[in-house]
Amino acid sequence: MRSDAPPPTQQVQTPRFHARRFSNWSGLRAKRRQKPSYHRDITFFKDVILLCSPRDNKIPKQQMKTKLHEKGHILSALELDKTWDHTTLLLKLREAFDGKIPLGASLEMLMPCGNKLVTPTLGKGQQLDASMVHKIFRRATLYLRPSVALQPEGSDSSTEEDEWVEEEDMFVPATAIAQASCSTQQEVQTFSSQPSTSDQTPSQWQNDYGTYINLINETSDEDNEDDLYSAIIASIEDTTRPKEHIPISQILSELSDKIDNLQVCKFNINRSAVLDGAIRGFRRLSYDPNKKMSIKFSDDRGTTEEAVDLGGPRREFLHLLMEALAESDMFEGPEGHLNLALISSAVREDRYFIAGRAVAVSLVHGGPPPCFLSRTLFACIAEGPDACRPVLEDITDMELYSKLKQVSEAKTLEELQQFTEPLTDYLANAGCLRHLTSLVDKDQLLEDVLMFQVVQRVRGPLERFSDGLKTLGVLQKIKHHPEAFRPVLCYSPGTLTAEIMDDLFDIRWSEMGSNNRANENRVVAYWRDYLQDAEEEEGPAKLGDILSFATGCHVVPPIGFSPKPSLEFQRGRYPIANTCVNCLRIPLHQSYEDFKSNMDFAIQNTQQILNILIDISW
């Protein structure tokens, strides 16, 4: 072995150039490049442009790009490895340009921002490695700026450089930006001591880039470039702008402004088949999510509740709908931590889209949040499927779970090979079958299997569920404010307390000094004791039942109640609720025991007597 060969930790695969055809860039939306399946998790491809002068701080336009290409300063789809550190990355970039970078020149890595080239923002002491390049640069071209001017091959004249870098008509005007060098002279000496292992020459990849140059020259003009740069700036600002901490109620209130309360869409619902009725309603040709929902329930005998829906029936319907979704075959997993299941009939009937739409409608139309999505599913929705990291607990197939659990606990290579043997057919179907040579392969194998089982296998249903969430602009808000939406989409412990319930209701008192006011003062004390006892005896679940009795909703909707719940008084034996206006009328009993027993009886038997009580209140 040569003494100047890199240490074993730096012996990484030589960069390769991935030949591909570029799409026509006549518009702003270009087709996304399809990555090859091999090395999917550790390698990526990046277009790299080597600038010619330390003064270059503007994005080169087409004539300059053509010259750079002719001189071998543009690499199309250079394969990089995420495991490369800063030193190895720069070494491989230098090798890829095959001697075009002088030994005494350090390199600065820049990214496009509008018409300018800027240095990515790094933390103190940080240096760009390949993994950071993959994350920070995303789809942007990687520009390399040398610390010294590069002379074209076969030229000794300093005027040649001027021809390269000072033709102002080839650049977009921009102000100069001070840049900090990403490499030191000591690093350059390290690079120069390493032999070039690249087996590529410019002639081998020159034709690969020819299609790109031809398409650009044919379709590019000033207006299109300005539009493209504007789109790039908007995209960069959108991804780098700090997320504002806006209350979920404010976000949903803005979305609800689109709803036209003068027009209605009718839903005919049987409480024993809520999801079936919802699907019929959402598929109706006249359905429009921007119109107010009007719900009519039918009892078991098929008669209809003749009442105008002022909010109560709608909230009750959306509450029952969220429960029905959580119990449907479209979701699987432990309660409160559900992932999408793959059901062919649901795919065929497009029920995943209906499920996403139902969640969006519930949030914006004043219904309860679902609170049953797993963190993994939420990450798929908010950040994209490739950004999520499933965990072993997301596996709902208990047989597969137990086998993968054994794999995860393997302590030696022999155990790893032994535990993966029963999974051979599954791994082959999942595209995860590989030759295991060390225990290190275990983590990558588990990651691939989890991604396939939890995410890739249900990619189609996930896309349709996300399409449904686009209703009323909800998905866009989820992506912009994930922290605000996570508590309402994923499971979170009950937050209802006696104090919150007491503050939630406005008390409508009689005139001060009247006999009624004295009775009301006594019963309000009973009411507050009742809430406190409910919290201590059964917790948020009992308080949720009380809230549902009064408003039709077990939790406070993320958008809030409209109108605000109110507390009134009546001389009957049992409490009466008008869920349409969120009004609860409590009885004026003389003793706390009578008050509590009658409140419990009414609330516990809501399903049987709710229809009668609502009709009476109207």
Foldseek 3Di string as FASTA:
>chain_A
DDPLADPPLLPDDQKDADFDFFAQPLDLDGDDDDDDPPPVPFKFWAKEFEAFALQDWWDFALVLVVVSLVLQRIGHGIMDTLSFAQLSVQLSVCLNSPPQADLQKAKAKWWDAQGTTAHDDDDVPDADGSNNCCVVRPHTHIYIYIHHGGDRPPDPDPVRSCVNPVPVVRGDDDDDDDHDGRDDSVSSVSSVSHDRPDPDDSVVCSVSCVNVSVSCVVNDDDVNSNVNSVVRNVVVCLVPPDFDDDALLVVLQVLLVLADAVFEQEFEAELVPLQVRLVVSVPDPPDDLSYHYWYWYAYPVGDIQPDTQLAQVVQLSLQSNLVCVQVDQQWDAPFQAIAGDDDPVCLVVLVLLSLLLSQLSCQNNFYAFSSRYHPQLLCCLQPNLVPGFDDLRNDRPVVVSVLLVQCVPDDWQVSNVVSCVVVQVVCVVLVLDDDDDTNVVSVVSSRSVRSSVRPVVCVPSSVSSSNSNPRSHNSVVCNSNVVNCCPRHGHDDDDDALVVVLVQAAEDADDPPDPRNVLVVVVVVLVSVLRHVCCVPPRLQSVLLLQCQAAVHSDARSNGDVPGAYEAEDADQAWAHQNSRSYIYAHSDPDSVSRNVRDVVCSVCCVPCVSVRNVVVD
